């Protein structure tokens, strides 16, 4: 299987809810095991190679500073981080 097909099948599978390997395999003319392998490799790549670059865990100092900020600014103790979600539209 080409690298392009590998990525396409994994992204197709991961972008849909409640889809089965067999559905993706049929769409791309492949075996279920090919889809399983493609999805696993894509997830391993995202977790092991991309994750550490994009997701930075806070240091002990950063955790303490953030916890103080949330406790004294908003009254929420023991908070060490948050996510900000926004829409570009």
N, C-alpha and C. Protein backbone atom coordinates (compact mmCIF):
# COMPACT_ATOMS: atom_id res chain seq x y z
N UNK A 1 0.85 -1.17 0.00
CA UNK A 1 0.00 0.00 0.00
C UNK A 1 0.90 1.23 0.00
N UNK A 2 0.58 2.20 -0.85
CA UNK A 2 1.38 3.42 -0.94
C UNK A 2 1.22 4.26 0.32
N UNK A 3 2.16 5.14 0.54
CA UNK A 3 2.09 6.03 1.70
C UNK A 3 0.85 6.91 1.62
N UNK A 4 0.55 7.38 0.42
CA UNK A 4 -0.63 8.23 0.23
C UNK A 4 -1.92 7.48 0.60
N UNK A 5 -2.05 6.26 0.13
CA UNK A 5 -3.24 5.47 0.42
C UNK A 5 -3.30 5.13 1.92
N UNK A 6 -2.15 4.89 2.48
CA UNK A 6 -2.04 4.61 3.91
C UNK A 6 -2.65 5.78 4.72
N UNK A 7 -2.20 6.98 4.41
CA UNK A 7 -2.68 8.18 5.11
C UNK A 7 -4.16 8.43 4.81
N UNK A 8 -4.55 8.31 3.57
CA UNK A 8 -5.95 8.55 3.20
C UNK A 8 -6.91 7.61 3.91
N UNK A 9 -6.58 6.34 3.94
CA UNK A 9 -7.48 5.38 4.59
C UNK A 9 -7.56 5.62 6.09
N UNK A 10 -6.43 5.93 6.71
CA UNK A 10 -6.43 6.19 8.15
C UNK A 10 -7.23 7.45 8.47
N UNK A 11 -7.01 8.51 7.71
CA UNK A 11 -7.75 9.74 7.95
C UNK A 11 -9.24 9.56 7.68
N UNK A 12 -9.57 8.80 6.66
CA UNK A 12 -10.98 8.53 6.36
C UNK A 12 -11.63 7.81 7.54
N UNK A 13 -10.96 6.79 8.04
CA UNK A 13 -11.50 6.04 9.18
C UNK A 13 -11.62 6.93 10.42
N UNK A 14 -10.58 7.67 10.73
CA UNK A 14 -10.56 8.48 11.94
C UNK A 14 -11.51 9.68 11.88
N UNK A 15 -11.90 10.09 10.69
CA UNK A 15 -12.77 11.26 10.56
C UNK A 15 -14.25 10.92 10.63
N UNK A 16 -14.58 9.65 10.72
CA UNK A 16 -15.98 9.24 10.75
C UNK A 16 -16.32 8.55 12.06
N UNK A 17 -17.56 8.76 12.49
CA UNK A 17 -18.03 8.11 13.71
C UNK A 17 -18.74 6.82 13.34
N UNK A 18 -18.54 5.81 14.16
CA UNK A 18 -19.24 4.53 14.01
C UNK A 18 -19.00 3.85 12.66
N UNK A 19 -17.83 4.00 12.11
CA UNK A 19 -17.50 3.31 10.86
C UNK A 19 -16.69 2.06 11.20
N UNK A 20 -16.86 1.03 10.41
CA UNK A 20 -16.14 -0.22 10.63
C UNK A 20 -14.97 -0.31 9.67
N UNK A 21 -13.95 -1.06 10.09
CA UNK A 21 -12.81 -1.30 9.20
C UNK A 21 -13.29 -1.87 7.87
N UNK A 22 -14.26 -2.75 7.93
CA UNK A 22 -14.75 -3.40 6.70
C UNK A 22 -15.38 -2.39 5.74
N UNK A 23 -16.04 -1.35 6.29
CA UNK A 23 -16.63 -0.31 5.43
C UNK A 23 -15.54 0.46 4.69
N UNK A 24 -14.50 0.81 5.40
CA UNK A 24 -13.39 1.56 4.80
C UNK A 24 -12.64 0.65 3.82
N UNK A 25 -12.43 -0.59 4.20
CA UNK A 25 -11.74 -1.54 3.33
C UNK A 25 -12.48 -1.70 2.01
N UNK A 26 -13.79 -1.81 2.08
CA UNK A 26 -14.59 -1.96 0.86
C UNK A 26 -14.50 -0.71 -0.01
N UNK A 27 -14.57 0.45 0.61
CA UNK A 27 -14.50 1.71 -0.14
C UNK A 27 -13.19 1.86 -0.90
N UNK A 28 -12.08 1.42 -0.28
CA UNK A 28 -10.77 1.59 -0.90
C UNK A 28 -10.25 0.32 -1.58
N UNK A 29 -11.05 -0.74 -1.56
CA UNK A 29 -10.64 -1.98 -2.20
C UNK A 29 -9.49 -2.68 -1.50
N UNK A 30 -9.48 -2.66 -0.17
CA UNK A 30 -8.41 -3.25 0.61
C UNK A 30 -8.97 -4.25 1.61
N UNK A 31 -8.08 -4.96 2.27
CA UNK A 31 -8.48 -5.89 3.33
C UNK A 31 -8.63 -5.13 4.64
N UNK A 32 -9.48 -5.66 5.52
CA UNK A 32 -9.66 -5.06 6.84
C UNK A 32 -8.33 -4.89 7.57
N UNK A 33 -7.46 -5.88 7.43
CA UNK A 33 -6.16 -5.83 8.12
C UNK A 33 -5.30 -4.66 7.63
N UNK A 34 -5.44 -4.27 6.35
CA UNK A 34 -4.72 -3.11 5.85
C UNK A 34 -5.20 -1.83 6.52
N UNK A 35 -6.50 -1.72 6.72
CA UNK A 35 -7.07 -0.54 7.37
C UNK A 35 -6.62 -0.49 8.82
N UNK A 36 -6.69 -1.63 9.49
CA UNK A 36 -6.26 -1.71 10.88
C UNK A 36 -4.80 -1.27 11.02
N UNK A 37 -3.94 -1.77 10.16
CA UNK A 37 -2.52 -1.41 10.19
C UNK A 37 -2.32 0.08 9.91
N UNK A 38 -3.04 0.61 8.94
CA UNK A 38 -2.91 2.03 8.58
C UNK A 38 -3.34 2.93 9.74
N UNK A 39 -4.46 2.59 10.37
CA UNK A 39 -4.96 3.38 11.50
C UNK A 39 -3.97 3.32 12.67
N UNK A 40 -3.49 2.13 12.98
CA UNK A 40 -2.53 1.99 14.08
C UNK A 40 -1.26 2.78 13.83
N UNK A 41 -0.74 2.70 12.61
CA UNK A 41 0.50 3.44 12.29
C UNK A 41 0.28 4.94 12.37
N UNK A 42 -0.90 5.40 11.90
CA UNK A 42 -1.20 6.83 11.95
C UNK A 42 -1.30 7.31 13.40
N UNK A 43 -1.97 6.53 14.24
CA UNK A 43 -2.10 6.91 15.65
C UNK A 43 -0.75 6.89 16.36
N UNK A 44 0.07 5.90 16.07
CA UNK A 44 1.41 5.85 16.66
C UNK A 44 2.22 7.07 16.26
N UNK A 45 2.12 7.46 15.00
CA UNK A 45 2.83 8.64 14.51
C UNK A 45 2.34 9.90 15.22
N UNK A 46 1.02 10.06 15.32
CA UNK A 46 0.47 11.24 15.97
C UNK A 46 0.84 11.31 17.45
N UNK A 47 0.79 10.18 18.12
CA UNK A 47 1.07 10.15 19.56
C UNK A 47 2.56 10.28 19.85
N UNK A 48 3.39 9.52 19.13
CA UNK A 48 4.82 9.46 19.44
C UNK A 48 5.66 10.55 18.79
N UNK A 49 5.29 10.98 17.58
CA UNK A 49 6.12 11.94 16.85
C UNK A 49 5.57 13.36 16.88
N UNK A 50 4.27 13.51 16.68
CA UNK A 50 3.66 14.84 16.64
C UNK A 50 3.29 15.32 18.05
N UNK A 51 2.75 14.42 18.86
CA UNK A 51 2.29 14.77 20.19
C UNK A 51 3.30 15.53 21.04
N UNK A 52 4.52 15.01 21.18
CA UNK A 52 5.51 15.70 22.02
C UNK A 52 5.89 17.09 21.51
N UNK A 53 5.72 17.33 20.22
CA UNK A 53 6.04 18.64 19.65
C UNK A 53 4.90 19.64 19.90
N UNK A 54 3.68 19.15 19.80
CA UNK A 54 2.51 20.02 19.89
C UNK A 54 2.01 20.16 21.33
N UNK A 55 2.03 19.08 22.08
CA UNK A 55 1.52 19.09 23.45
C UNK A 55 2.69 19.17 24.42
N UNK A 56 2.75 20.27 25.13
CA UNK A 56 3.80 20.44 26.12
C UNK A 56 3.19 20.37 27.51
N UNK A 57 3.63 19.41 28.29
CA UNK A 57 3.13 19.28 29.66
C UNK A 57 3.79 20.34 30.53
N UNK A 58 3.03 20.88 31.49
CA UNK A 58 3.58 21.95 32.33
C UNK A 58 4.63 21.44 33.30
N UNK A 59 5.59 22.30 33.57
CA UNK A 59 6.60 21.99 34.59
C UNK A 59 5.96 22.16 35.97
N UNK A 60 6.66 21.74 37.01
CA UNK A 60 6.17 21.90 38.38
C UNK A 60 5.95 23.38 38.68
N UNK A 61 6.86 24.22 38.24
CA UNK A 61 6.75 25.66 38.46
C UNK A 61 5.53 26.23 37.74
N UNK A 62 5.32 25.82 36.50
CA UNK A 62 4.17 26.29 35.74
C UNK A 62 2.86 25.85 36.38
N UNK A 63 2.82 24.61 36.89
CA UNK A 63 1.62 24.12 37.57
C UNK A 63 1.29 24.97 38.79
N UNK A 64 2.31 25.26 39.59
CA UNK A 64 2.11 26.05 40.81
C UNK A 64 1.62 27.46 40.47
N UNK A 65 2.24 28.08 39.48
CA UNK A 65 1.85 29.43 39.07
C UNK A 65 0.41 29.46 38.55
N UNK A 66 0.05 28.48 37.73
CA UNK A 66 -1.30 28.41 37.19
C UNK A 66 -2.32 28.15 38.28
N UNK A 67 -1.99 27.25 39.21
CA UNK A 67 -2.90 26.94 40.32
C UNK A 67 -3.17 28.19 41.16
N UNK A 68 -2.15 28.96 41.44
CA UNK A 68 -2.32 30.20 42.20
C UNK A 68 -3.20 31.19 41.44
N UNK A 69 -2.95 31.32 40.16
CA UNK A 69 -3.73 32.24 39.33
C UNK A 69 -5.22 31.89 39.37
N UNK A 70 -5.54 30.64 39.13
CA UNK A 70 -6.96 30.24 39.11
C UNK A 70 -7.59 30.32 40.50
N UNK A 71 -6.82 30.01 41.53
CA UNK A 71 -7.36 30.07 42.89
C UNK A 71 -7.69 31.51 43.29
N UNK A 72 -6.75 32.43 43.08
CA UNK A 72 -6.95 33.79 43.53
C UNK A 72 -7.77 34.65 42.55
N UNK A 73 -7.74 34.33 41.28
CA UNK A 73 -8.51 35.10 40.31
C UNK A 73 -9.96 34.64 40.19
N UNK A 74 -10.18 33.32 40.30
CA UNK A 74 -11.51 32.78 40.03
C UNK A 74 -12.07 31.93 41.17
N UNK A 75 -11.27 31.64 42.18
CA UNK A 75 -11.74 30.85 43.31
C UNK A 75 -11.75 29.35 43.06
N UNK A 76 -11.04 28.90 42.02
CA UNK A 76 -10.96 27.47 41.72
C UNK A 76 -9.60 26.93 42.15
N UNK A 77 -9.54 26.13 43.21
CA UNK A 77 -8.25 25.58 43.64
C UNK A 77 -7.83 24.37 42.80
N UNK A 78 -6.55 24.09 42.79
CA UNK A 78 -5.97 22.89 42.18
C UNK A 78 -6.13 22.81 40.66
N UNK A 79 -6.26 23.93 39.97
CA UNK A 79 -6.35 23.95 38.51
C UNK A 79 -4.93 24.14 37.97
N UNK A 80 -4.49 23.25 37.08
CA UNK A 80 -3.13 23.38 36.55
C UNK A 80 -3.11 23.68 35.06
N UNK A 81 -4.28 23.87 34.46
CA UNK A 81 -4.31 24.20 33.04
C UNK A 81 -5.72 24.27 32.52
N UNK A 82 -5.84 24.79 31.32
CA UNK A 82 -7.15 24.88 30.68
C UNK A 82 -6.96 24.93 29.18
N UNK A 83 -8.06 24.72 28.47
CA UNK A 83 -8.06 24.80 27.01
C UNK A 83 -8.92 25.98 26.60
N UNK A 84 -8.50 26.68 25.61
CA UNK A 84 -9.29 27.77 25.07
C UNK A 84 -9.77 27.34 23.70
N UNK A 85 -11.06 27.25 23.56
CA UNK A 85 -11.65 26.87 22.28
C UNK A 85 -12.24 28.11 21.62
N UNK A 86 -11.97 28.25 20.35
CA UNK A 86 -12.51 29.39 19.62
C UNK A 86 -12.81 28.97 18.19
N UNK A 87 -13.62 29.74 17.57
CA UNK A 87 -13.98 29.49 16.17
C UNK A 87 -13.45 30.63 15.33
N UNK A 88 -12.92 30.32 14.17
CA UNK A 88 -12.40 31.36 13.30
C UNK A 88 -13.50 31.96 12.43
N UNK A 89 -14.71 31.44 12.56
CA UNK A 89 -15.80 31.98 11.74
C UNK A 89 -16.60 33.02 12.48
